[in-house]
Amino acid sequence: MRIANVSGRPALITAAGALDVARASGGQFSPDPHALYERWDEFTDWARSAPATDARPYSSAELGPPSPRPAQVFAIGTNYSSHSAEVGLAVPDWPSVFTKYVTSFTGPTGEIELPSDAVDWEVELVVVIGRSARAVSAEQGWDHVAGLTVGQDLSDREVQLRGPLPQVSVGKSLPGFSPTGPVLVTPDDLPDPDALEISCSVDGTTVQWGNTRDLVFSVPVLIAELSAMVPLLPGDVIFTGTPDGVGLSHRPPRFLRPGQELVSRIEGIGEMRHTFRAAEHARRGSDRHVVERLQSMAQPNTAPA
């Protein structure tokens, strides 16, 4: 099953196009995409036999984030051993968790501002919670997943490395820095939701490639670990981490520039396409700052995620 946020309304994606859930259900379900997750079991029961006669064609420009207003957004750092190695960290013994702010959410296409010349890419598998979870086991983890989508954990390294302690959440939550989409795919619609190819490219050159089977902490393990600490709520979002190939790992570092196109793909889900423009009051000259900050770090565990 494939679900999308089409022009701010939940839609079931069929071979014929997008079926507006609120209209097709005769008002049984709300036109608010977030409300769908609060009635996820009812919705999926209805969707299995929903008539597709009123589905319409749609464009990628109409798509928004599948879960646009989650109560909680979790992000996991260094969750691929290859990424841990490239930033000089040991493979973690437990998930490294930080947050991203909902004001940074945007859809799978469009233009994003670059507030500095040290903005990095990080393609990620993103999980949306469909059923509340509290202290669940890893064996039960997938039972609480509504679906999977593509995400980018864009990172302003200049902000992230400012000051004596890393500003991870702020540096990864500027406007437009959390795009997700194009659709949400339920786990049963994928041959193996634990093994999906993931990649991104800049102006046609592949910069990241991996497979989600190499996650240090798999999706069900993350749900178990997170739900042991806090309740997970319907519509909550988890950015599961990025494979190696981030711009910061290049020597010298390589960051996004105005006019470039970033394409983020995950097997069986789809792709996002974004271009970039300089912010009107963009900060400049931060490449050198980032390099110097990295070199000055006395403790390796303060490296960025």
C-alpha atoms as a PDB file:
ATOM      1  CA  MET A   1       0.000   0.000   0.000  1.00  0.00           C
ATOM      2  CA  ARG A   2       1.272   3.439  -0.955  1.00  0.00           C
ATOM      3  CA  ILE A   3      -0.032   6.592   0.717  1.00  0.00           C
ATOM      4  CA  ALA A   4       0.838  10.203  -0.041  1.00  0.00           C
ATOM      5  CA  ASN A   5       0.186  13.735   1.107  1.00  0.00           C
ATOM      6  CA  VAL A   6      -1.286  15.280  -2.055  1.00  0.00           C
ATOM      7  CA  SER A   7      -1.957  19.012  -1.811  1.00  0.00           C
ATOM      8  CA  GLY A   8      -2.195  18.705   1.962  1.00  0.00           C
ATOM      9  CA  ARG A   9      -4.701  15.816   1.905  1.00  0.00           C
ATOM     10  CA  PRO A  10      -4.151  12.084   2.454  1.00  0.00           C
ATOM     11  CA  ALA A  11      -4.350  10.008  -0.722  1.00  0.00           C
ATOM     12  CA  LEU A  12      -4.112   6.336  -1.548  1.00  0.00           C
ATOM     13  CA  ILE A  13      -1.790   5.906  -4.528  1.00  0.00           C
ATOM     14  CA  THR A  14      -3.148   3.457  -7.095  1.00  0.00           C
ATOM     15  CA  ALA A  15      -2.273   2.513 -10.672  1.00  0.00           C
ATOM     16  CA  ALA A  16      -4.832   5.106 -11.781  1.00  0.00           C
ATOM     17  CA  GLY A  17      -3.397   7.914  -9.658  1.00  0.00           C
ATOM     18  CA  ALA A  18      -4.191   9.490  -6.297  1.00  0.00           C
ATOM     19  CA  LEU A  19      -7.420   8.588  -4.529  1.00  0.00           C
ATOM     20  CA  ASP A  20      -8.457  11.299  -2.063  1.00  0.00           C
ATOM     21  CA  VAL A  21      -9.125   9.402   1.172  1.00  0.00           C
ATOM     22  CA  ALA A  22     -11.596  11.840   2.721  1.00  0.00           C
ATOM     23  CA  ARG A  23     -13.745  12.085  -0.410  1.00  0.00           C
ATOM     24  CA  ALA A  24     -13.590   8.405  -1.351  1.00  0.00           C
ATOM     25  CA  SER A  25     -14.527   7.362   2.192  1.00  0.00           C
ATOM     26  CA  GLY A  26     -17.533   9.702   2.246  1.00  0.00           C
ATOM     27  CA  GLY A  27     -16.040  11.650   5.133  1.00  0.00           C
ATOM     28  CA  GLN A  28     -15.224   8.585   7.212  1.00  0.00           C
ATOM     29  CA  PHE A  29     -11.631   9.823   7.372  1.00  0.00           C
ATOM     30  CA  SER A  30     -10.366  13.362   7.887  1.00  0.00           C
ATOM     31  CA  PRO A  31      -8.716  15.408   5.117  1.00  0.00           C
ATOM     32  CA  ASP A  32      -5.876  16.014   7.601  1.00  0.00           C
ATOM     33  CA  PRO A  33      -2.949  13.654   6.787  1.00  0.00           C
ATOM     34  CA  HIS A  34      -1.859  13.474  10.421  1.00  0.00           C
ATOM     35  CA  ALA A  35      -5.288  12.263  11.553  1.00  0.00           C
ATOM     36  CA  LEU A  36      -4.885   9.173   9.367  1.00  0.00           C
ATOM     37  CA  TYR A  37      -2.197   7.742  11.659  1.00  0.00           C
ATOM     38  CA  GLU A  38      -4.438   8.050  14.694  1.00  0.00           C
ATOM     39  CA  ARG A  39      -6.875   5.630  13.001  1.00  0.00           C
ATOM     40  CA  TRP A  40      -4.303   3.577  11.134  1.00  0.00           C
ATOM     41  CA  ASP A  41      -5.912   0.133  11.555  1.00  0.00           C
ATOM     42  CA  GLU A  42      -9.324   1.440  10.482  1.00  0.00           C
ATOM     43  CA  PHE A  43      -7.779   3.192   7.512  1.00  0.00           C
ATOM     44  CA  THR A  44      -5.821   0.183   6.261  1.00  0.00           C
ATOM     45  CA  ASP A  45      -8.929  -2.027   6.591  1.00  0.00           C
ATOM     46  CA  TRP A  46     -10.874   0.450   4.471  1.00  0.00           C
ATOM     47  CA  ALA A  47      -8.071   0.966   1.955  1.00  0.00           C
ATOM     48  CA  ARG A  48      -7.834  -2.725   1.054  1.00  0.00           C
ATOM     49  CA  SER A  49     -11.205  -2.522  -0.683  1.00  0.00           C
ATOM     50  CA  ALA A  50     -11.369   1.183  -1.532  1.00  0.00           C
ATOM     51  CA  PRO A  51     -12.803   1.883  -4.999  1.00  0.00           C
ATOM     52  CA  ALA A  52     -10.168   3.415  -7.267  1.00  0.00           C
ATOM     53  CA  THR A  53     -12.621   4.840  -9.797  1.00  0.00           C
ATOM     54  CA  ASP A  54     -12.153   8.410  -8.536  1.00  0.00           C
ATOM     55  CA  ALA A  55      -8.339   8.328  -8.549  1.00  0.00           C
ATOM     56  CA  ARG A  56      -6.763  11.170 -10.513  1.00  0.00           C
ATOM     57  CA  PRO A  57      -3.359  11.886 -11.986  1.00  0.00           C
ATOM     58  CA  TYR A  58      -1.091  14.004  -9.798  1.00  0.00           C
ATOM     59  CA  SER A  59       2.289  15.682 -10.111  1.00  0.00           C
ATOM     60  CA  SER A  60       5.308  15.438  -7.840  1.00  0.00           C
ATOM     61  CA  ALA A  61       4.964  19.165  -7.130  1.00  0.00           C
ATOM     62  CA  GLU A  62       1.721  18.421  -5.255  1.00  0.00           C
ATOM     63  CA  LEU A  63       3.375  16.047  -2.791  1.00  0.00           C
ATOM     64  CA  GLY A  64       4.120  17.022   0.784  1.00  0.00           C
ATOM     65  CA  PRO A  65       5.753  15.108   3.652  1.00  0.00           C
ATOM     66  CA  PRO A  66       3.773  11.913   4.364  1.00  0.00           C
ATOM     67  CA  SER A  67       3.614  12.764   8.081  1.00  0.00           C
ATOM     68  CA  PRO A  68       3.672  16.572   8.091  1.00  0.00           C
ATOM     69  CA  ARG A  69       3.137  17.314  11.806  1.00  0.00           C
ATOM     70  CA  PRO A  70       4.578  14.528  13.958  1.00  0.00           C
ATOM     71  CA  ALA A  71       4.473  15.062  17.707  1.00  0.00           C
ATOM     72  CA  GLN A  72       8.012  13.682  17.946  1.00  0.00           C
ATOM     73  CA  VAL A  73      10.892  13.443  15.473  1.00  0.00           C
ATOM     74  CA  PHE A  74      13.792  11.149  16.308  1.00  0.00           C
ATOM     75  CA  ALA A  75      17.032  10.919  14.367  1.00  0.00           C
ATOM     76  CA  ILE A  76      19.785   8.360  14.761  1.00  0.00           C
ATOM     77  CA  GLY A  77      23.472   9.203  14.347  1.00  0.00           C
ATOM     78  CA  THR A  78      26.216   6.881  13.052  1.00  0.00           C
ATOM     79  CA  ASN A  79      23.813   4.006  12.409  1.00  0.00           C
ATOM     80  CA  TYR A  80      25.902   2.533   9.577  1.00  0.00           C
ATOM     81  CA  SER A  81      29.358   1.237  10.456  1.00  0.00           C
ATOM     82  CA  SER A  82      30.677   2.710   7.196  1.00  0.00           C
ATOM     83  CA  HIS A  83      29.551   6.186   8.277  1.00  0.00           C
ATOM     84  CA  SER A  84      30.987   5.713  11.766  1.00  0.00           C
ATOM     85  CA  ALA A  85      34.335   4.902  10.153  1.00  0.00           C
ATOM     86  CA  GLU A  86      34.353   7.923   7.855  1.00  0.00           C
ATOM     87  CA  VAL A  87      33.731  10.365  10.734  1.00  0.00           C
ATOM     88  CA  GLY A  88      36.227   8.605  13.008  1.00  0.00           C
ATOM     89  CA  LEU A  89      33.853   7.053  15.523  1.00  0.00           C
ATOM     90  CA  ALA A  90      33.516   3.545  16.904  1.00  0.00           C
ATOM     91  CA  VAL A  91      30.372   1.615  16.033  1.00  0.00           C
ATOM     92  CA  PRO A  92      27.942   2.583  18.830  1.00  0.00           C
ATOM     93  CA  ASP A  93      26.758   0.132  21.480  1.00  0.00           C
ATOM     94  CA  TRP A  94      23.319   1.742  21.561  1.00  0.00           C
ATOM     95  CA  PRO A  95      21.497   4.229  19.316  1.00  0.00           C
ATOM     96  CA  SER A  96      22.771   7.821  19.296  1.00  0.00           C
ATOM     97  CA  VAL A  97      19.547   9.823  19.330  1.00  0.00           C
ATOM     98  CA  PHE A  98      18.916  13.481  18.582  1.00  0.00           C
ATOM     99  CA  THR A  99      15.847  15.409  17.434  1.00  0.00           C
ATOM    100  CA  LYS A 100      14.847  17.349  14.369  1.00  0.00           C
ATOM    101  CA  TYR A 101      12.271  20.139  14.463  1.00  0.00           C
ATOM    102  CA  VAL A 102       9.006  19.911  12.553  1.00  0.00           C
ATOM    103  CA  THR A 103       9.450  23.406  11.109  1.00  0.00           C
ATOM    104  CA  SER A 104      12.231  21.925   8.955  1.00  0.00           C
ATOM    105  CA  PHE A 105       9.825  19.513   7.206  1.00  0.00           C
ATOM    106  CA  THR A 106       9.159  19.861   3.493  1.00  0.00           C
ATOM    107  CA  GLY A 107       8.086  17.683   0.594  1.00  0.00           C
ATOM    108  CA  PRO A 108      10.016  15.538  -1.894  1.00  0.00           C
ATOM    109  CA  THR A 109      10.605  18.241  -4.509  1.00  0.00           C
ATOM    110  CA  GLY A 110      11.379  21.937  -4.648  1.00  0.00           C
ATOM    111  CA  GLU A 111      14.065  24.454  -3.859  1.00  0.00           C
ATOM    112  CA  ILE A 112      15.838  24.705  -0.501  1.00  0.00           C
ATOM    113  CA  GLU A 113      17.833  27.677   0.807  1.00  0.00           C
ATOM    114  CA  LEU A 114      21.484  27.269   1.689  1.00  0.00           C
ATOM    115  CA  PRO A 115      22.118  29.462   4.757  1.00  0.00           C
ATOM    116  CA  SER A 116      25.879  28.809   4.563  1.00  0.00           C
ATOM    117  CA  ASP A 117      28.431  27.203   2.262  1.00  0.00           C
ATOM    118  CA  ALA A 118      28.765  24.177   4.566  1.00  0.00           C
ATOM    119  CA  VAL A 119      25.438  22.371   4.006  1.00  0.00           C
ATOM    120  CA  ASP A 120      25.852  18.596   3.722  1.00  0.00           C
ATOM    121  CA  TRP A 121      23.660  15.776   2.397  1.00  0.00           C
ATOM    122  CA  GLU A 122      22.572  12.664   4.358  1.00  0.00           C
ATOM    123  CA  VAL A 123      20.079  10.346   2.645  1.00  0.00           C
ATOM    124  CA  GLU A 124      18.078   8.249   5.124  1.00  0.00           C
ATOM    125  CA  LEU A 125      15.337   5.676   5.434  1.00  0.00           C
ATOM    126  CA  VAL A 126      12.510   7.302   7.403  1.00  0.00           C
ATOM    127  CA  VAL A 127       9.966   5.418   9.513  1.00  0.00           C
ATOM    128  CA  VAL A 128       6.476   6.660  10.367  1.00  0.00           C
ATOM    129  CA  ILE A 129       4.762   5.143  13.404  1.00  0.00           C
ATOM    130  CA  GLY A 130       1.226   3.826  12.900  1.00  0.00           C
ATOM    131  CA  ARG A 131       0.437   2.335  16.298  1.00  0.00           C
ATOM    132  CA  SER A 132       1.453   3.634  19.720  1.00  0.00           C
ATOM    133  CA  ALA A 133       4.456   1.813  21.156  1.00  0.00           C
ATOM    134  CA  ARG A 134       5.678   1.684  24.724  1.00  0.00           C
ATOM    135  CA  ALA A 135       8.324  -0.798  25.856  1.00  0.00           C
ATOM    136  CA  VAL A 136       7.743  -3.124  22.914  1.00  0.00           C
ATOM    137  CA  SER A 137      10.189  -5.847  21.923  1.00  0.00           C
ATOM    138  CA  ALA A 138      12.177  -5.833  18.701  1.00  0.00           C
ATOM    139  CA  GLU A 139      10.102  -8.823  17.586  1.00  0.00           C
ATOM    140  CA  GLN A 140       7.039  -6.571  17.796  1.00  0.00           C
ATOM    141  CA  GLY A 141       8.717  -3.551  16.212  1.00  0.00           C
ATOM    142  CA  TRP A 142       7.369  -3.838  12.672  1.00  0.00           C
ATOM    143  CA  ASP A 143       3.824  -4.174  14.056  1.00  0.00           C
ATOM    144  CA  HIS A 144       3.982  -0.506  15.055  1.00  0.00           C
ATOM    145  CA  VAL A 145       5.193   0.856  11.706  1.00  0.00           C
ATOM    146  CA  ALA A 146       2.743   2.576   9.381  1.00  0.00           C
ATOM    147  CA  GLY A 147       5.268   2.758   6.582  1.00  0.00           C
ATOM    148  CA  LEU A 148       8.617   3.806   5.208  1.00  0.00           C
ATOM    149  CA  THR A 149       9.651   6.775   3.121  1.00  0.00           C
ATOM    150  CA  VAL A 150      12.761   8.566   1.821  1.00  0.00           C
ATOM    151  CA  GLY A 151      14.352  11.366   3.832  1.00  0.00           C
ATOM    152  CA  GLN A 152      17.268  13.775   3.840  1.00  0.00           C
ATOM    153  CA  ASP A 153      18.902  14.861   7.075  1.00  0.00           C
ATOM    154  CA  LEU A 154      20.431  18.000   5.585  1.00  0.00           C
ATOM    155  CA  SER A 155      23.089  19.422   7.882  1.00  0.00           C
ATOM    156  CA  ASP A 156      24.564  22.900   8.201  1.00  0.00           C
ATOM    157  CA  ARG A 157      27.979  21.870   9.503  1.00  0.00           C
ATOM    158  CA  GLU A 158      28.856  25.480  10.350  1.00  0.00           C
ATOM    159  CA  VAL A 159      25.940  25.674  12.802  1.00  0.00           C
ATOM    160  CA  GLN A 160      26.393  22.095  13.967  1.00  0.00           C
ATOM    161  CA  LEU A 161      30.019  22.694  14.954  1.00  0.00           C
ATOM    162  CA  ARG A 162      29.588  26.165  16.421  1.00  0.00           C
ATOM    163  CA  GLY A 163      30.616  26.569  20.043  1.00  0.00           C
ATOM    164  CA  PRO A 164      32.145  24.129  22.554  1.00  0.00           C
ATOM    165  CA  LEU A 165      29.446  21.451  22.080  1.00  0.00           C
ATOM    166  CA  PRO A 166      27.930  20.194  18.789  1.00  0.00           C
ATOM    167  CA  GLN A 167      24.597  21.866  17.959  1.00  0.00           C
ATOM    168  CA  VAL A 168      23.260  18.767  16.215  1.00  0.00           C
ATOM    169  CA  SER A 169      19.504  19.345  16.361  1.00  0.00           C
ATOM    170  CA  VAL A 170      19.663  23.021  15.376  1.00  0.00           C
ATOM    171  CA  GLY A 171      22.201  22.443  12.600  1.00  0.00           C
ATOM    172  CA  LYS A 172      19.938  19.789  11.081  1.00  0.00           C
ATOM    173  CA  SER A 173      16.630  21.640  11.449  1.00  0.00           C
ATOM    174  CA  LEU A 174      16.879  24.790   9.377  1.00  0.00           C
ATOM    175  CA  PRO A 175      13.962  25.504   7.003  1.00  0.00           C
ATOM    176  CA  GLY A 176      13.631  22.743   4.425  1.00  0.00           C
ATOM    177  CA  PHE A 177      16.315  20.565   6.035  1.00  0.00           C
ATOM    178  CA  SER A 178      14.017  17.556   6.628  1.00  0.00           C
ATOM    179  CA  PRO A 179      12.419  16.664   3.293  1.00  0.00           C
ATOM    180  CA  THR A 180      10.510  13.370   3.176  1.00  0.00           C
ATOM    181  CA  GLY A 181       8.554  11.541   0.488  1.00  0.00           C
ATOM    182  CA  PRO A 182       7.516  10.959  -2.193  1.00  0.00           C
ATOM    183  CA  VAL A 183       5.131   8.389  -0.688  1.00  0.00           C
ATOM    184  CA  LEU A 184       4.750   6.228   2.392  1.00  0.00           C
ATOM    185  CA  VAL A 185       5.021   2.505   1.627  1.00  0.00           C
ATOM    186  CA  THR A 186       3.662  -0.067   4.061  1.00  0.00           C
ATOM    187  CA  PRO A 187       6.162  -2.795   5.020  1.00  0.00           C
ATOM    188  CA  ASP A 188       4.019  -5.541   3.480  1.00  0.00           C
ATOM    189  CA  ASP A 189       4.327  -3.837   0.097  1.00  0.00           C
ATOM    190  CA  LEU A 190       8.110  -4.368   0.048  1.00  0.00           C
ATOM    191  CA  PRO A 191       9.826  -7.723  -0.682  1.00  0.00           C
ATOM    192  CA  ASP A 192      12.146  -7.218   2.295  1.00  0.00           C
ATOM    193  CA  PRO A 193      11.693  -4.000   4.300  1.00  0.00           C
ATOM    194  CA  ASP A 194      14.939  -4.766   6.160  1.00  0.00           C
ATOM    195  CA  ALA A 195      17.074  -4.717   2.978  1.00  0.00           C
ATOM    196  CA  LEU A 196      16.555  -1.716   0.696  1.00  0.00           C
ATOM    197  CA  GLU A 197      19.144  -0.064  -1.526  1.00  0.00           C
ATOM    198  CA  ILE A 198      19.627   3.589  -0.583  1.00  0.00           C
ATOM    199  CA  SER A 199      21.551   6.275  -2.482  1.00  0.00           C
ATOM    200  CA  CYS A 200      21.832   9.921  -3.353  1.00  0.00           C
ATOM    201  CA  SER A 201      23.507  11.883  -6.108  1.00  0.00           C
ATOM    202  CA  VAL A 202      24.578  15.479  -6.655  1.00  0.00           C
ATOM    203  CA  ASP A 203      24.245  16.736 -10.248  1.00  0.00           C
ATOM    204  CA  GLY A 204      24.117  13.143 -11.465  1.00  0.00           C
ATOM    205  CA  THR A 205      27.185  11.905  -9.565  1.00  0.00           C
ATOM    206  CA  THR A 206      26.456   9.250  -6.933  1.00  0.00           C
ATOM    207  CA  VAL A 207      27.808  10.382  -3.570  1.00  0.00           C
ATOM    208  CA  GLN A 208      26.156   7.840  -1.272  1.00  0.00           C
ATOM    209  CA  TRP A 209      25.157   4.236  -1.806  1.00  0.00           C
ATOM    210  CA  GLY A 210      24.266   1.553   0.707  1.00  0.00           C
ATOM    211  CA  ASN A 211      21.670  -0.942   1.859  1.00  0.00           C
ATOM    212  CA  THR A 212      19.475  -0.715   4.931  1.00  0.00           C
ATOM    213  CA  ARG A 213      20.399  -4.283   5.875  1.00  0.00           C
ATOM    214  CA  ASP A 214      23.662  -2.676   7.084  1.00  0.00           C
ATOM    215  CA  LEU A 215      21.936  -0.534   9.721  1.00  0.00           C
ATOM    216  CA  VAL A 216      23.684  -1.079  13.046  1.00  0.00           C
ATOM    217  CA  PHE A 217      20.277  -0.845  14.730  1.00  0.00           C
ATOM    218  CA  SER A 218      17.494  -2.091  12.463  1.00  0.00           C
ATOM    219  CA  VAL A 219      14.046  -0.511  12.310  1.00  0.00           C
ATOM    220  CA  PRO A 220      12.469  -2.938  14.824  1.00  0.00           C
ATOM    221  CA  VAL A 221      15.437  -2.595  17.178  1.00  0.00           C
ATOM    222  CA  LEU A 222      15.174   1.201  17.035  1.00  0.00           C
ATOM    223  CA  ILE A 223      11.493   1.016  17.898  1.00  0.00           C
ATOM    224  CA  ALA A 224      12.274  -1.247  20.840  1.00  0.00           C
ATOM    225  CA  GLU A 225      15.077   1.004  22.091  1.00  0.00           C
ATOM    226  CA  LEU A 226      13.137   4.247  21.687  1.00  0.00           C
ATOM    227  CA  SER A 227       9.878   2.900  23.112  1.00  0.00           C
ATOM    228  CA  ALA A 228      11.789   1.702  26.180  1.00  0.00           C
ATOM    229  CA  MET A 229      12.509   5.369  26.940  1.00  0.00           C
ATOM    230  CA  VAL A 230       9.460   7.279  25.696  1.00  0.00           C
ATOM    231  CA  PRO A 231       6.057   6.438  24.214  1.00  0.00           C
ATOM    232  CA  LEU A 232       6.026   6.461  20.409  1.00  0.00           C
ATOM    233  CA  LEU A 233       2.865   8.053  19.030  1.00  0.00           C
ATOM    234  CA  PRO A 234       0.983   7.600  15.748  1.00  0.00           C
ATOM    235  CA  GLY A 235       2.568   9.827  13.110  1.00  0.00           C
ATOM    236  CA  ASP A 236       5.932  10.067  14.901  1.00  0.00           C
ATOM    237  CA  VAL A 237       8.911  10.042  12.554  1.00  0.00           C
ATOM    238  CA  ILE A 238      12.289   8.307  12.882  1.00  0.00           C
ATOM    239  CA  PHE A 239      15.238   9.215  10.635  1.00  0.00           C
ATOM    240  CA  THR A 240      17.253   5.993  10.833  1.00  0.00           C
ATOM    241  CA  GLY A 241      20.746   7.222   9.894  1.00  0.00           C
ATOM    242  CA  THR A 242      22.865   7.673   6.774  1.00  0.00           C
ATOM    243  CA  PRO A 243      25.451   5.483   5.032  1.00  0.00           C
ATOM    244  CA  ASP A 244      28.962   6.701   4.236  1.00  0.00           C
ATOM    245  CA  GLY A 245      29.658   9.299   1.576  1.00  0.00           C
ATOM    246  CA  VAL A 246      28.672  12.558   3.280  1.00  0.00           C
ATOM    247  CA  GLY A 247      30.368  15.699   2.028  1.00  0.00           C
ATOM    248  CA  LEU A 248      32.171  16.277   5.313  1.00  0.00           C
ATOM    249  CA  SER A 249      34.177  13.092   4.774  1.00  0.00           C
ATOM    250  CA  HIS A 250      35.797  14.422   1.583  1.00  0.00           C
ATOM    251  CA  ARG A 251      39.253  15.975   1.758  1.00  0.00           C
ATOM    252  CA  PRO A 252      38.703  18.855   1.431  1.00  0.00           C
ATOM    253  CA  PRO A 253      35.051  18.769   2.515  1.00  0.00           C
ATOM    254  CA  ARG A 254      32.495  19.003  -0.281  1.00  0.00           C
ATOM    255  CA  PHE A 255      29.211  20.784   0.334  1.00  0.00           C
ATOM    256  CA  LEU A 256      26.074  21.720  -1.590  1.00  0.00           C
ATOM    257  CA  ARG A 257      26.144  24.766  -3.844  1.00  0.00           C
ATOM    258  CA  PRO A 258      23.400  26.982  -5.331  1.00  0.00           C
ATOM    259  CA  GLY A 259      21.926  25.511  -8.512  1.00  0.00           C
ATOM    260  CA  GLN A 260      22.877  21.910  -7.746  1.00  0.00           C
ATOM    261  CA  GLU A 261      20.344  19.084  -7.815  1.00  0.00           C
ATOM    262  CA  LEU A 262      20.244  16.493  -5.023  1.00  0.00           C
ATOM    263  CA  VAL A 263      18.432  13.234  -5.839  1.00  0.00           C
ATOM    264  CA  SER A 264      17.660  10.857  -2.945  1.00  0.00           C
ATOM    265  CA  ARG A 265      16.455   7.321  -3.700  1.00  0.00           C
ATOM    266  CA  ILE A 266      15.363   4.198  -1.828  1.00  0.00           C
ATOM    267  CA  GLU A 267      14.520   0.954  -3.576  1.00  0.00           C
ATOM    268  CA  GLY A 268      10.797   0.210  -3.685  1.00  0.00           C
ATOM    269  CA  ILE A 269       9.825   3.631  -2.333  1.00  0.00           C
ATOM    270  CA  GLY A 270      10.923   6.211  -4.891  1.00  0.00           C
ATOM    271  CA  GLU A 271      13.015   9.339  -5.125  1.00  0.00           C
ATOM    272  CA  MET A 272      13.134  12.966  -4.047  1.00  0.00           C
ATOM    273  CA  ARG A 273      14.598  15.793  -6.128  1.00  0.00           C
ATOM    274  CA  HIS A 274      15.708  19.117  -4.678  1.00  0.00           C
ATOM    275  CA  THR A 275      17.626  22.096  -5.968  1.00  0.00           C
ATOM    276  CA  PHE A 276      19.321  24.792  -3.909  1.00  0.00           C
ATOM    277  CA  ARG A 277      19.631  28.552  -3.798  1.00  0.00           C
ATOM    278  CA  ALA A 278      21.700  30.835  -1.624  1.00  0.00           C
ATOM    279  CA  ALA A 279      19.815  32.494   1.212  1.00  0.00           C
ATOM    280  CA  GLU A 280      19.573  36.268   0.949  1.00  0.00           C
ATOM    281  CA  HIS A 281      21.713  36.645   4.060  1.00  0.00           C
ATOM    282  CA  ALA A 282      23.765  33.465   3.748  1.00  0.00           C
ATOM    283  CA  ARG A 283      26.847  33.006   5.915  1.00  0.00           C
ATOM    284  CA  ARG A 284      30.057  32.644   3.892  1.00  0.00           C
ATOM    285  CA  GLY A 285      33.560  31.334   4.412  1.00  0.00           C
ATOM    286  CA  SER A 286      32.500  28.490   6.691  1.00  0.00           C
ATOM    287  CA  ASP A 287      34.356  25.661   4.911  1.00  0.00           C
ATOM    288  CA  ARG A 288      37.557  26.706   6.661  1.00  0.00           C
ATOM    289  CA  HIS A 289      35.724  27.075   9.962  1.00  0.00           C
ATOM    290  CA  VAL A 290      34.400  23.520   9.706  1.00  0.00           C
ATOM    291  CA  VAL A 291      37.806  22.054   8.902  1.00  0.00           C
ATOM    292  CA  GLU A 292      39.478  23.937  11.750  1.00  0.00           C
ATOM    293  CA  ARG A 293      36.717  22.931  14.166  1.00  0.00           C
ATOM    294  CA  LEU A 294      37.135  19.273  13.267  1.00  0.00           C
ATOM    295  CA  GLN A 295      40.884  19.453  13.675  1.00  0.00           C
ATOM    296  CA  SER A 296      40.502  21.080  17.089  1.00  0.00           C
ATOM    297  CA  MET A 297      38.201  18.402  18.502  1.00  0.00           C
ATOM    298  CA  ALA A 298      40.013  16.780  21.353  1.00  0.00           C
ATOM    299  CA  GLN A 299      37.519  13.975  21.878  1.00  0.00           C
ATOM    300  CA  PRO A 300      36.526  11.805  18.898  1.00  0.00           C
ATOM    301  CA  ASN A 301      33.039  11.229  20.269  1.00  0.00           C
ATOM    302  CA  THR A 302      32.194  14.884  19.628  1.00  0.00           C
ATOM    303  CA  ALA A 303      32.310  14.354  15.868  1.00  0.00           C
ATOM    304  CA  PRO A 304      29.114  15.129  13.955  1.00  0.00           C
ATOM    305  CA  ALA A 305      26.459  12.541  13.153  1.00  0.00           C
END
